[in-house]
Amino acid sequence: MDKITIYLGADCIISSLGNSTEENIRQMEAGCSGIRQVDDPAVFERPFPAGRIAEESDESDSATPRLERWLKRAVEHVLAESGVSPQSPRTGLIVATTKGNIDYLCREPKPDTRCFLFEMAQRVARELGFVTRPKVISNACISGLAAMIVARRELLQRHYDHVVVVGGDLLSQFVVSGFHSFKSVSENICRPYDASRDGLSLGEACGALLLTTDVTRAKCGRVMLAGGAMTQDANHLSAPSRTGEELAAAIRQAMCEGGVTAAEIDAVNAHGTATRYNDEMESKALAVAGLSDKPLNSFKPYIGHTLGAAGVVEAILSAEQIRRGEVFATPGYEECGVPQPVNVASRHRKMEVSTMVKSASGFGGCNAAVVLSRDHEGLPLVVRDVQIATTRSYSLSGHGDFAERIRAEYKALGSANLKFFKMDNLAKLGYVAAEHLLRDDKVAERWGAFRVGIILSNRSSSLDTDLRHQRIVESHPEEGASPAVFVYTLPNIVIGEISIRHGIKGEGLFFVESSPEGHVAEDYARRLIASDILDAAVTGWCECLEENYSVNIKLIEKI
């Protein structure tokens, strides 16, 4: 197979620091932070520090949701700068977001149509002239990096010549109240890895990036996406792995794909949220991956934690570090506060940077890592002609009787997991379906925990629980949000529940699609097996909204 190289092309960052990549870089070079006190009762009942985008008023486009305006503006910039045509069938679009237009969710009986993620992506694609069908990934805080990894594989398998990846999320009452319910938000600008860190800073942003096989479209100061991988902790829904081994596995696999060793990595940009357990886990993961001595930084003190946008925005900034020969400071860092040594500094460091690791982790126990390099192209993705069989399948659907039906299905399994009754409806549906597939089959032991994945899709994301969370926030503002409900407002949590129950640590990914007929999840899972990334996968459709439910999943395996 001919070797294909993936180049980073034109990009655009819209954040609290500015409306272009160049403006963001200038502000960071000057040591500025976009995190300010936000005093807006519509977002949160009291002032709190966050990175909020200062938008110029545009009455001609006031009917378009804020997030969609950012997505269109960022992608338009990338298309104009690169000269890539959205009207070519060889140009793809992948949208990454955790909550999309969640600011349109209210206590109405039915969710606003603008809250459906795939419909949002379709509007953006249609208005920008894309003729290909967009893909939508909603995988908590690794969504942006996950989209880049998926795009890389699409390009290596010659499905496209160019893919625009765009990630975006915004500050809203929904998101801010949820994070405050975990008591994880700092009253000051966050301080990643520092002994005095006391929580994260939230932010909103949008980042768009062209990935291309055409070297003439590469951005000046050529940087390549050499490798990328995802894993699951199979440990806890809202707390990371205790050992860091799963994130380390994603980093090692990304380096393997990139054809690089730990000795050839010059720097690391990690997730660095400044929460106690995230930063502890990352220090352990870097030690396991042999990267403890590498210059490390986090961009969160500049723009905050931007959720689904973070992976794309921070990958763009990481590439700029390679182009500039510089590792940006981590503001506020003074004393190491994590169990394994980390090479963090509160000042910018000029140095030769040719190859970097960028990593991220998120709720549900998901991890992602990519390798960016100006010297290493990455190894070819070899798609083999292997036989893949469906060894088991399960389906269940109905309307209006979900609680009774799912209890009966669970009881028939003879299980005794009391946590089941605390799950939301989507997680219960996926959990029961996976039990039917795997209860007599230790698939993670047969193939190896990291060789089995979970790839699912649906139309409504987690809107069934989103509505419940929003009602709690609106009806009981004095009590605040419920962390037990908020954690389920991510569709990939169902993947987390299945991975914890069955010890599955391979790639976990959640697509949002208009209908099951597209077979997006299964087609992707089959390609992972054919590419020797996985040996087996739980895959299919898992949808639950307003008492309408439908699950159709299967276990597929390499023969």
Protein backbone atom coordinates (compact mmCIF):
# COMPACT_ATOMS: atom_id res chain seq x y z
CA MET A 1 0.00 0.00 0.00
CA ASP A 2 1.28 3.48 -0.88
CA LYS A 3 2.17 5.59 2.10
CA ILE A 4 -0.24 8.46 2.78
CA THR A 5 0.82 11.45 4.85
CA ILE A 6 -1.71 13.54 6.77
CA TYR A 7 -0.89 17.24 6.92
CA LEU A 8 -2.38 19.96 9.12
CA GLY A 9 -3.73 22.68 6.88
CA ALA A 10 -5.53 25.96 7.55
CA ASP A 11 -7.03 26.47 11.00
CA CYS A 12 -9.11 28.88 13.03
CA ILE A 13 -9.63 29.33 16.78
CA ILE A 14 -12.47 31.37 18.23
CA SER A 15 -12.13 31.73 22.00
CA SER A 16 -12.16 34.22 24.83
CA LEU A 17 -8.66 35.28 23.66
CA GLY A 18 -9.69 36.22 20.14
CA ASN A 19 -11.37 35.30 16.86
CA SER A 20 -8.41 33.81 15.00
CA THR A 21 -5.54 31.46 15.69
CA GLU A 22 -3.07 34.33 15.29
CA GLU A 23 -4.91 36.50 17.82
CA ASN A 24 -5.03 33.65 20.33
CA ILE A 25 -1.29 33.04 19.93
CA ARG A 26 -0.44 36.74 20.37
CA GLN A 27 -2.43 36.89 23.60
CA MET A 28 -0.81 33.72 24.92
CA GLU A 29 2.68 34.96 24.01
CA ALA A 30 1.93 38.07 26.05
CA GLY A 31 0.87 35.93 29.00
CA CYS A 32 -2.78 37.01 28.83
CA SER A 33 -5.71 34.91 30.01
CA GLY A 34 -9.20 35.09 28.57
CA ILE A 35 -10.70 33.93 31.86
CA ARG A 36 -12.73 36.70 33.50
CA GLN A 37 -15.54 36.99 36.02
CA VAL A 38 -18.81 36.12 34.30
CA ASP A 39 -21.75 37.86 35.93
CA ASP A 40 -24.80 36.57 34.10
CA PRO A 41 -27.71 35.07 36.07
CA ALA A 42 -28.91 33.38 32.89
CA VAL A 43 -25.75 31.25 33.01
CA PHE A 44 -25.18 30.89 36.76
CA GLU A 45 -26.70 32.34 39.89
CA ARG A 46 -23.49 34.00 41.06
CA PRO A 47 -20.37 35.40 39.34
CA PHE A 48 -17.70 32.86 38.45
CA PRO A 49 -14.46 32.93 36.42
CA ALA A 50 -14.65 31.51 32.90
CA GLY A 51 -13.45 32.05 29.35
CA ARG A 52 -16.35 33.65 27.49
CA ILE A 53 -16.35 34.73 23.86
CA ALA A 54 -17.04 38.42 23.29
CA GLU A 55 -19.12 38.36 20.13
CA GLU A 56 -19.71 41.23 17.77
CA SER A 57 -23.42 41.83 17.26
CA ASP A 58 -24.72 40.61 13.92
CA GLU A 59 -28.42 41.29 13.64
CA SER A 60 -28.54 39.78 10.15
CA ASP A 61 -27.67 36.39 11.63
CA SER A 62 -29.39 36.71 15.01
CA ALA A 63 -31.75 33.81 14.30
CA THR A 64 -28.81 31.39 14.05
CA PRO A 65 -27.72 29.82 17.35
CA ARG A 66 -24.46 31.20 18.75
CA LEU A 67 -22.60 27.91 18.44
CA GLU A 68 -23.66 27.43 14.83
CA ARG A 69 -22.42 30.94 14.00
CA TRP A 70 -19.01 30.04 15.42
CA LEU A 71 -18.90 26.69 13.62
CA LYS A 72 -19.73 28.31 10.29
CA ARG A 73 -17.32 31.21 10.78
CA ALA A 74 -14.42 28.91 11.71
CA VAL A 75 -15.03 26.46 8.86
CA GLU A 76 -15.53 29.30 6.35
CA HIS A 77 -12.12 30.67 7.34
CA VAL A 78 -10.47 27.26 6.86
CA LEU A 79 -12.08 26.75 3.44
CA ALA A 80 -11.19 30.26 2.26
CA GLU A 81 -7.58 30.05 3.45
CA SER A 82 -6.96 26.55 2.08
CA GLY A 83 -8.88 26.84 -1.17
CA VAL A 84 -10.48 23.45 -0.53
CA SER A 85 -13.94 23.16 -2.07
CA PRO A 86 -16.81 21.92 0.13
CA GLN A 87 -18.62 20.98 -3.09
CA SER A 88 -16.15 18.22 -3.84
CA PRO A 89 -17.20 14.66 -2.89
CA ARG A 90 -13.58 14.25 -1.74
CA THR A 91 -14.00 16.80 1.05
CA GLY A 92 -15.44 15.60 4.36
CA LEU A 93 -16.70 17.33 7.49
CA ILE A 94 -16.59 16.02 11.06
CA VAL A 95 -18.28 17.97 13.87
CA ALA A 96 -17.23 17.37 17.48
CA THR A 97 -19.28 18.64 20.42
CA THR A 98 -20.42 17.54 23.84
CA LYS A 99 -23.67 19.50 24.11
CA GLY A 100 -24.19 21.47 20.88
CA ASN A 101 -26.99 24.06 21.06
CA ILE A 102 -27.83 23.10 24.63
CA ASP A 103 -28.75 26.72 25.41
CA TYR A 104 -31.99 26.05 23.47
CA LEU A 105 -33.07 23.34 25.88
CA CYS A 106 -35.93 24.41 28.13
CA ARG A 107 -38.75 22.88 30.13
CA GLU A 108 -40.99 22.46 27.11
CA PRO A 109 -42.53 18.98 26.76
CA LYS A 110 -40.36 18.25 23.74
CA PRO A 111 -36.76 19.36 23.10
CA ASP A 112 -36.19 22.17 20.62
CA THR A 113 -35.19 20.71 17.25
CA ARG A 114 -32.03 22.83 17.36
CA CYS A 115 -30.81 20.63 20.23
CA PHE A 116 -30.38 17.59 17.97
CA LEU A 117 -26.68 17.38 17.17
CA PHE A 118 -26.85 15.78 13.74
CA GLU A 119 -29.46 18.26 12.53
CA MET A 120 -27.18 21.06 13.77
CA ALA A 121 -24.24 19.63 11.81
CA GLN A 122 -26.40 19.17 8.71
CA ARG A 123 -27.47 22.82 8.79
CA VAL A 124 -23.86 23.97 9.05
CA ALA A 125 -22.77 21.63 6.25
CA ARG A 126 -25.64 22.61 3.99
CA GLU A 127 -25.15 26.35 4.47
CA LEU A 128 -21.43 26.05 3.73
CA GLY A 129 -22.07 24.00 0.59
CA PHE A 130 -20.75 20.58 1.64
CA VAL A 131 -22.06 17.80 -0.57
CA THR A 132 -20.83 14.98 1.66
CA ARG A 133 -22.72 13.88 4.75
CA PRO A 134 -21.16 15.20 7.97
CA LYS A 135 -20.13 12.91 10.79
CA VAL A 136 -20.92 13.95 14.37
CA ILE A 137 -18.94 12.74 17.38
CA SER A 138 -20.06 13.34 20.96
CA ASN A 139 -17.58 11.69 23.29
CA ALA A 140 -17.29 13.99 26.31
CA CYS A 141 -14.07 15.97 26.54
CA ILE A 142 -12.12 13.87 24.04
CA SER A 143 -14.62 14.67 21.27
CA GLY A 144 -12.25 17.00 19.40
CA LEU A 145 -9.27 14.66 19.46
CA ALA A 146 -11.54 11.72 18.63
CA ALA A 147 -12.75 13.61 15.55
CA MET A 148 -9.17 14.19 14.43
CA ILE A 149 -8.35 10.49 14.86
CA VAL A 150 -11.44 9.46 12.88
CA ALA A 151 -10.56 12.00 10.17
CA ARG A 152 -7.02 10.63 9.96
CA ARG A 153 -8.35 7.12 9.38
CA GLU A 154 -10.82 8.34 6.76
CA LEU A 155 -7.93 9.94 4.89
CA LEU A 156 -5.60 6.95 5.24
CA GLN A 157 -8.34 4.71 3.84
CA ARG A 158 -8.75 7.11 0.89
CA HIS A 159 -12.37 7.96 1.61
CA TYR A 160 -11.46 11.64 1.27
CA ASP A 161 -8.58 13.87 0.20
CA HIS A 162 -9.46 16.56 2.75
CA VAL A 163 -11.43 16.55 6.00
CA VAL A 164 -12.41 19.65 7.94
CA VAL A 165 -12.66 18.91 11.65
CA VAL A 166 -14.55 21.45 13.74
CA GLY A 167 -15.23 21.31 17.46
CA GLY A 168 -17.34 23.66 19.54
CA ASP A 169 -19.11 24.09 22.87
CA LEU A 170 -20.48 27.05 24.78
CA LEU A 171 -21.06 28.21 28.32
CA SER A 172 -24.65 27.70 29.40
CA GLN A 173 -26.69 27.30 32.53
CA PHE A 174 -26.90 23.60 31.73
CA VAL A 175 -23.13 23.04 31.64
CA VAL A 176 -22.04 25.49 34.33
CA SER A 177 -24.53 24.27 36.92
CA GLY A 178 -23.54 20.69 36.19
CA PHE A 179 -19.84 21.23 36.79
CA HIS A 180 -20.58 23.26 39.91
CA SER A 181 -22.61 20.33 41.23
CA PHE A 182 -19.38 18.30 41.25
CA LYS A 183 -17.70 21.12 43.22
CA SER A 184 -14.93 20.99 40.64
CA VAL A 185 -14.91 24.66 39.53
CA SER A 186 -12.21 26.92 40.95
CA GLU A 187 -12.99 30.41 42.22
CA ASN A 188 -9.80 31.57 40.50
CA ILE A 189 -7.98 30.92 37.24
CA CYS A 190 -7.12 27.22 37.29
CA ARG A 191 -3.58 26.05 38.12
CA PRO A 192 -2.87 22.70 36.44
CA TYR A 193 -0.49 20.31 38.20
CA ASP A 194 0.21 22.82 40.99
CA ALA A 195 0.09 21.85 44.66
CA SER A 196 -2.47 24.61 45.27
CA ARG A 197 -4.82 23.71 42.45
CA ASP A 198 -8.46 23.61 43.51
CA GLY A 199 -10.47 22.92 40.37
CA LEU A 200 -11.03 23.74 36.74
CA SER A 201 -11.97 26.87 34.83
CA LEU A 202 -14.70 26.54 32.24
CA GLY A 203 -14.57 28.14 28.82
CA GLU A 204 -16.31 28.25 25.47
CA ALA A 205 -14.57 27.99 22.12
CA CYS A 206 -14.68 26.75 18.56
CA GLY A 207 -11.77 25.36 16.60
CA ALA A 208 -11.62 24.27 12.95
CA LEU A 209 -8.74 22.47 11.27
CA LEU A 210 -8.09 21.08 7.80
CA LEU A 211 -6.52 17.62 7.62
CA THR A 212 -5.34 16.81 4.13
CA THR A 213 -3.26 14.40 2.06
CA ASP A 214 -2.24 17.26 -0.27
CA VAL A 215 1.10 18.73 0.82
CA THR A 216 0.35 21.92 -1.14
CA ARG A 217 -2.55 22.57 1.27
CA ALA A 218 -0.35 22.19 4.37
CA LYS A 219 -0.04 25.26 6.54
CA CYS A 220 3.32 27.04 6.38
CA GLY A 221 5.69 25.35 8.81
CA ARG A 222 4.51 21.89 7.85
CA VAL A 223 3.17 19.69 10.67
CA MET A 224 1.80 16.17 10.23
CA LEU A 225 -0.75 14.14 12.18
CA ALA A 226 1.40 11.03 12.55
CA GLY A 227 -0.72 8.87 14.86
CA GLY A 228 -3.75 8.71 17.12
CA ALA A 229 -5.51 6.30 19.45
CA MET A 230 -8.34 6.00 21.98
CA THR A 231 -8.88 3.81 25.05
CA GLN A 232 -11.29 3.41 27.97
CA ASP A 233 -10.51 3.20 31.68
CA ALA A 234 -13.25 0.67 32.55
CA ASN A 235 -13.01 2.17 36.02
CA HIS A 236 -15.47 4.96 36.91
CA LEU A 237 -17.89 7.30 35.15
CA SER A 238 -16.66 10.59 36.61
CA ALA A 239 -13.23 9.76 38.08
CA PRO A 240 -10.21 8.74 36.01
CA SER A 241 -8.15 5.58 36.27
CA ARG A 242 -6.13 5.24 39.45
CA THR A 243 -3.05 4.00 37.62
CA GLY A 244 -3.05 6.00 34.38
CA GLU A 245 -2.35 2.79 32.44
CA GLU A 246 -5.25 3.29 30.04
CA LEU A 247 -4.25 6.81 28.97
CA ALA A 248 -0.67 5.57 28.74
CA ALA A 249 -1.89 2.80 26.42
CA ALA A 250 -3.52 5.39 24.13
CA ILE A 251 -0.29 7.43 24.11
CA ARG A 252 1.84 4.37 23.35
CA GLN A 253 -0.48 3.27 20.54
CA ALA A 254 -0.46 6.78 19.04
CA MET A 255 3.35 6.80 19.18
CA CYS A 256 3.44 3.35 17.57
CA GLU A 257 1.24 4.56 14.71
CA GLY A 258 3.49 7.59 14.40
CA GLY A 259 6.59 5.42 14.20
CA VAL A 260 8.20 7.23 17.14
CA THR A 261 9.57 6.22 20.50
CA ALA A 262 9.28 8.04 23.81
CA ALA A 263 12.86 9.26 23.33
CA GLU A 264 11.78 11.07 20.14
CA ILE A 265 8.95 13.01 21.81
CA ASP A 266 10.03 16.59 22.56
CA ALA A 267 7.03 17.86 24.53
CA VAL A 268 3.52 17.00 25.74
CA ASN A 269 0.35 19.05 25.84
CA ALA A 270 -1.99 17.18 28.17
CA HIS A 271 -5.56 17.70 29.32
CA GLY A 272 -4.44 19.52 32.48
CA THR A 273 -7.82 20.47 33.94
CA ALA A 274 -6.40 21.34 37.40
CA THR A 275 -8.81 19.00 39.14
CA ARG A 276 -7.15 16.81 41.73
CA TYR A 277 -7.71 13.41 40.17
CA ASN A 278 -7.25 14.31 36.49
CA ASP A 279 -3.82 15.83 37.03
CA GLU A 280 -2.74 12.99 39.33
CA MET A 281 -3.77 10.40 36.75
CA GLU A 282 -1.99 12.23 33.93
CA SER A 283 1.27 12.35 35.86
CA LYS A 284 1.04 8.58 36.35
CA ALA A 285 0.14 7.99 32.70
CA LEU A 286 3.10 10.04 31.47
CA ALA A 287 5.39 8.09 33.77
CA VAL A 288 4.06 4.75 32.44
CA ALA A 289 4.52 6.01 28.86
CA GLY A 290 8.10 7.12 29.60
CA LEU A 291 7.38 10.84 29.14
CA SER A 292 7.77 12.23 32.66
CA ASP A 293 10.86 14.25 31.74
CA LYS A 294 9.32 15.89 28.67
CA PRO A 295 8.31 19.57 28.82
CA LEU A 296 4.61 19.53 29.69
CA ASN A 297 1.95 22.21 29.55
CA SER A 298 -1.78 22.85 29.74
CA PHE A 299 -3.69 25.58 27.90
CA LYS A 300 -6.60 25.63 30.36
CA PRO A 301 -5.38 28.75 32.29
CA TYR A 302 -5.59 30.73 29.04
CA ILE A 303 -9.03 29.79 27.72
CA GLY A 304 -10.55 27.39 30.25
CA HIS A 305 -11.82 23.88 29.68
CA THR A 306 -13.73 24.14 26.41
CA LEU A 307 -15.23 20.62 26.46
CA GLY A 308 -15.78 19.20 22.96
CA ALA A 309 -13.77 22.02 21.38
CA ALA A 310 -10.72 21.40 23.57
CA GLY A 311 -9.09 18.67 21.50
CA VAL A 312 -9.22 20.61 18.23
CA VAL A 313 -8.27 23.99 19.73
CA GLU A 314 -5.41 22.58 21.78
CA ALA A 315 -4.09 20.48 18.86
CA ILE A 316 -3.94 23.66 16.74
CA LEU A 317 -2.04 25.43 19.54
CA SER A 318 0.26 22.42 19.94
CA ALA A 319 1.10 22.52 16.24
CA GLU A 320 1.94 26.19 16.59
CA GLN A 321 4.41 25.29 19.33
CA ILE A 322 6.17 23.00 16.85
CA ARG A 323 6.23 25.71 14.20
CA ARG A 324 7.56 28.32 16.64
CA GLY A 325 10.01 26.12 18.53
CA GLU A 326 8.42 26.99 21.84
CA VAL A 327 6.58 25.39 24.73
CA PHE A 328 4.09 27.87 26.13
CA ALA A 329 3.92 28.52 29.85
CA THR A 330 1.37 27.00 32.20
CA PRO A 331 0.36 30.15 34.13
CA GLY A 332 0.01 29.83 37.89
CA TYR A 333 2.27 26.81 38.22
CA GLU A 334 4.66 27.07 41.19
CA GLU A 335 5.06 23.73 42.96
CA CYS A 336 4.48 20.19 41.76
CA GLY A 337 1.28 18.79 43.25
CA VAL A 338 1.04 15.41 41.52
CA PRO A 339 2.49 12.02 42.54
CA GLN A 340 4.85 11.61 39.56
CA PRO A 341 7.35 14.29 38.50
CA VAL A 342 6.25 16.62 35.69
CA ASN A 343 8.32 19.11 33.70
CA VAL A 344 5.97 22.12 33.91
CA ALA A 345 7.00 25.78 33.89
CA SER A 346 5.22 29.10 34.43
CA ARG A 347 7.30 30.73 31.69
CA HIS A 348 7.50 30.23 27.95
CA ARG A 349 10.41 28.00 26.92
CA LYS A 350 12.19 28.40 23.60
CA MET A 351 13.45 25.00 22.43
CA GLU A 352 13.56 22.66 19.47
CA VAL A 353 10.13 21.00 19.22
CA SER A 354 9.69 18.63 16.30
CA THR A 355 7.36 15.95 17.71
CA MET A 356 4.64 16.32 20.36
CA VAL A 357 2.01 14.22 22.09
CA LYS A 358 -1.39 15.83 22.67
CA SER A 359 -3.70 13.93 25.04
CA ALA A 360 -7.17 14.26 26.58
CA SER A 361 -9.48 12.37 28.92
CA GLY A 362 -13.15 12.66 29.78
CA PHE A 363 -16.20 11.52 31.72
CA GLY A 364 -17.09 7.92 31.09
CA GLY A 365 -13.42 6.98 31.37
CA CYS A 366 -12.45 7.83 27.78
CA ASN A 367 -8.92 8.74 26.69
CA ALA A 368 -7.36 9.96 23.45
CA ALA A 369 -3.89 10.87 22.24
CA VAL A 370 -2.37 12.09 18.98
CA VAL A 371 1.19 12.58 17.76
CA LEU A 372 1.97 15.79 15.87
CA SER A 373 5.31 16.03 14.08
CA ARG A 374 7.25 17.90 11.45
CA ASP A 375 9.68 14.97 10.98
CA HIS A 376 7.58 11.79 11.33
CA GLU A 377 4.89 11.01 8.78
CA GLY A 378 3.42 8.02 10.58
CA LEU A 379 3.06 4.43 9.46
CA PRO A 380 0.59 3.38 6.74
CA LEU A 381 -2.80 2.03 7.81
CA VAL A 382 -3.03 -1.44 6.35
CA VAL A 383 -6.59 -2.63 5.78
CA ARG A 384 -6.64 -6.39 5.57
CA ASP A 385 -9.19 -8.64 3.89
CA VAL A 386 -10.24 -10.39 7.09
CA GLN A 387 -13.42 -12.24 7.84
CA ILE A 388 -15.61 -10.52 10.42
CA ALA A 389 -18.55 -12.37 11.89
CA THR A 390 -21.54 -11.27 13.95
CA THR A 391 -21.40 -13.73 16.84
CA ARG A 392 -24.33 -12.39 18.84
CA SER A 393 -27.01 -9.75 18.48
CA TYR A 394 -29.80 -8.25 20.56
CA SER A 395 -32.65 -5.86 19.82
CA LEU A 396 -35.45 -4.28 21.80
CA SER A 397 -37.84 -1.46 20.91
CA GLY A 398 -41.11 0.04 22.01
CA HIS A 399 -43.04 3.08 23.16
CA GLY A 400 -44.56 4.11 26.47
CA ASP A 401 -43.60 1.13 28.59
CA PHE A 402 -39.87 1.59 29.02
CA ALA A 403 -39.56 1.39 32.83
CA GLU A 404 -41.60 -1.81 33.07
CA ARG A 405 -40.01 -3.40 30.01
CA ILE A 406 -36.42 -2.71 30.96
CA ARG A 407 -36.93 -3.97 34.52
CA ALA A 408 -38.35 -7.20 33.13
CA GLU A 409 -35.40 -7.59 30.74
CA TYR A 410 -32.96 -6.92 33.55
CA LYS A 411 -34.68 -9.32 35.93
CA ALA A 412 -34.58 -12.05 33.29
CA LEU A 413 -30.80 -11.77 33.23
CA GLY A 414 -30.56 -12.74 36.90
CA SER A 415 -28.06 -9.93 37.57
CA ALA A 416 -27.55 -8.30 40.93
CA ASN A 417 -25.94 -4.97 40.12
CA LEU A 418 -27.78 -2.44 42.30
CA LYS A 419 -26.11 0.39 40.39
CA PHE A 420 -28.36 -0.49 37.45
CA PHE A 421 -31.32 1.23 39.13
CA LYS A 422 -29.37 4.50 39.39
CA MET A 423 -28.58 4.63 35.68
CA ASP A 424 -30.45 6.84 33.26
CA ASN A 425 -32.69 5.25 30.62
CA LEU A 426 -30.11 5.29 27.82
CA ALA A 427 -27.50 3.60 30.01
CA LYS A 428 -30.03 1.01 31.23
CA LEU A 429 -30.96 0.19 27.65
CA GLY A 430 -27.36 -0.23 26.52
CA TYR A 431 -26.35 -2.06 29.69
CA VAL A 432 -29.12 -4.66 29.36
CA ALA A 433 -28.37 -5.14 25.65
CA ALA A 434 -24.67 -5.68 26.38
CA GLU A 435 -25.53 -8.14 29.15
CA HIS A 436 -27.48 -10.23 26.65
CA LEU A 437 -24.48 -10.17 24.30
CA LEU A 438 -21.69 -10.78 26.78
CA ARG A 439 -22.98 -12.36 30.00
CA ASP A 440 -21.68 -15.82 29.06
CA ASP A 441 -18.65 -14.56 27.17
CA LYS A 442 -15.58 -13.00 28.77
CA VAL A 443 -14.74 -11.26 25.52
CA ALA A 444 -12.15 -8.95 27.09
CA GLU A 445 -10.28 -11.96 28.43
CA ARG A 446 -10.47 -13.84 25.13
CA TRP A 447 -9.08 -11.07 22.99
CA GLY A 448 -7.40 -8.80 25.56
CA ALA A 449 -9.02 -5.78 27.21
CA PHE A 450 -7.49 -3.27 24.79
CA ARG A 451 -8.41 -5.32 21.71
CA VAL A 452 -12.18 -4.99 22.23
CA GLY A 453 -14.04 -1.75 21.58
CA ILE A 454 -17.52 -0.26 21.90
CA ILE A 455 -18.81 1.85 18.99
CA LEU A 456 -22.41 3.08 19.26
CA SER A 457 -24.69 5.68 17.71
CA ASN A 458 -28.14 7.25 18.02
CA ARG A 459 -30.09 10.34 16.97
CA SER A 460 -30.94 12.12 20.22
CA SER A 461 -27.57 11.88 21.96
CA SER A 462 -28.45 12.10 25.69
CA LEU A 463 -31.47 14.43 25.34
CA ASP A 464 -33.69 12.17 27.44
CA THR A 465 -31.53 12.90 30.50
CA ASP A 466 -30.65 16.41 29.35
CA LEU A 467 -34.31 17.35 29.77
CA ARG A 468 -34.36 15.92 33.28
CA HIS A 469 -31.18 17.81 34.24
CA GLN A 470 -32.51 21.09 32.82
CA ARG A 471 -35.77 20.75 34.76
CA ILE A 472 -33.86 20.26 38.00
CA VAL A 473 -31.72 23.32 37.30
CA GLU A 474 -34.70 25.51 36.42
CA SER A 475 -37.08 24.26 39.12
CA HIS A 476 -34.65 24.16 42.04
CA PRO A 477 -32.05 26.89 41.49
CA GLU A 478 -31.42 27.20 45.21
CA GLU A 479 -30.51 23.51 45.46
CA GLY A 480 -28.59 23.38 42.19
CA ALA A 481 -27.98 20.54 39.81
CA SER A 482 -27.65 16.89 40.73
CA PRO A 483 -24.23 15.37 39.94
CA ALA A 484 -25.87 11.93 39.75
CA VAL A 485 -28.04 13.20 36.87
CA PHE A 486 -25.49 15.50 35.23
CA VAL A 487 -22.94 12.73 34.65
CA TYR A 488 -25.46 10.96 32.40
CA THR A 489 -25.91 14.01 30.15
CA LEU A 490 -23.27 12.58 27.83
CA PRO A 491 -24.16 9.83 25.37
CA ASN A 492 -20.83 8.05 25.77
CA ILE A 493 -21.67 7.30 29.41
CA VAL A 494 -23.53 4.22 28.17
CA ILE A 495 -20.22 3.08 26.69
CA GLY A 496 -18.58 3.74 30.05
CA GLU A 497 -21.13 1.60 31.88
CA ILE A 498 -20.62 -1.30 29.47
CA SER A 499 -16.83 -1.03 29.59
CA ILE A 500 -16.80 -1.00 33.41
CA ARG A 501 -19.09 -4.02 33.62
CA HIS A 502 -17.16 -6.12 31.10
CA GLY A 503 -13.60 -4.83 31.50
CA ILE A 504 -13.42 -3.51 27.93
CA LYS A 505 -10.58 -1.00 27.47
CA GLY A 506 -10.28 -0.64 23.71
CA GLU A 507 -11.62 2.24 21.66
CA GLY A 508 -14.98 3.66 22.72
CA LEU A 509 -16.74 6.11 20.43
CA PHE A 510 -20.23 7.58 20.13
CA PHE A 511 -21.55 8.88 16.80
CA VAL A 512 -24.75 10.91 16.47
CA GLU A 513 -26.64 10.09 13.28
CA SER A 514 -30.11 10.73 11.85
CA SER A 515 -31.20 7.08 11.74
CA PRO A 516 -29.84 3.54 12.20
CA GLU A 517 -30.06 2.89 8.46
CA GLY A 518 -26.72 4.62 7.95
CA HIS A 519 -24.87 1.92 9.91
CA VAL A 520 -22.20 4.51 10.77
CA ALA A 521 -21.13 2.82 14.01
CA GLU A 522 -20.96 -0.71 12.63
CA ASP A 523 -19.16 0.30 9.43
CA TYR A 524 -16.58 2.15 11.51
CA ALA A 525 -16.18 -0.77 13.94
CA ARG A 526 -15.62 -3.17 11.05
CA ARG A 527 -12.91 -0.92 9.66
CA LEU A 528 -11.18 -0.87 13.05
CA ILE A 529 -11.06 -4.65 12.99
CA ALA A 530 -9.92 -4.77 9.37
CA SER A 531 -7.17 -2.27 10.25
CA ASP A 532 -5.98 -4.47 13.15
CA ILE A 533 -6.81 -1.79 15.72
CA LEU A 534 -9.41 -4.08 17.34
CA ASP A 535 -10.22 -7.78 17.24
CA ALA A 536 -13.83 -7.44 18.39
CA ALA A 537 -16.41 -4.73 19.02
CA VAL A 538 -19.82 -4.18 20.55
CA THR A 539 -21.55 -1.96 18.01
CA GLY A 540 -24.91 -0.69 16.81
CA TRP A 541 -27.78 1.66 17.63
CA CYS A 542 -28.94 2.69 21.12
CA GLU A 543 -31.70 5.33 21.26
CA CYS A 544 -34.00 6.43 24.07
CA LEU A 545 -36.08 9.61 24.14
CA GLU A 546 -39.45 10.38 25.68
CA GLU A 547 -40.49 6.75 26.15
CA ASN A 548 -39.48 5.87 22.59
CA TYR A 549 -36.64 3.38 22.74
CA SER A 550 -34.77 1.23 20.29
CA VAL A 551 -31.60 -0.78 20.68
CA ASN A 552 -30.04 -3.03 18.07
CA ILE A 553 -26.49 -4.00 18.88
CA LYS A 554 -24.22 -6.88 18.05
CA LEU A 555 -20.87 -8.37 18.89
CA ILE A 556 -18.66 -8.57 15.82
CA GLU A 557 -15.34 -10.43 15.86
CA LYS A 558 -12.43 -11.21 13.64
CA ILE A 559 -12.27 -14.80 12.43
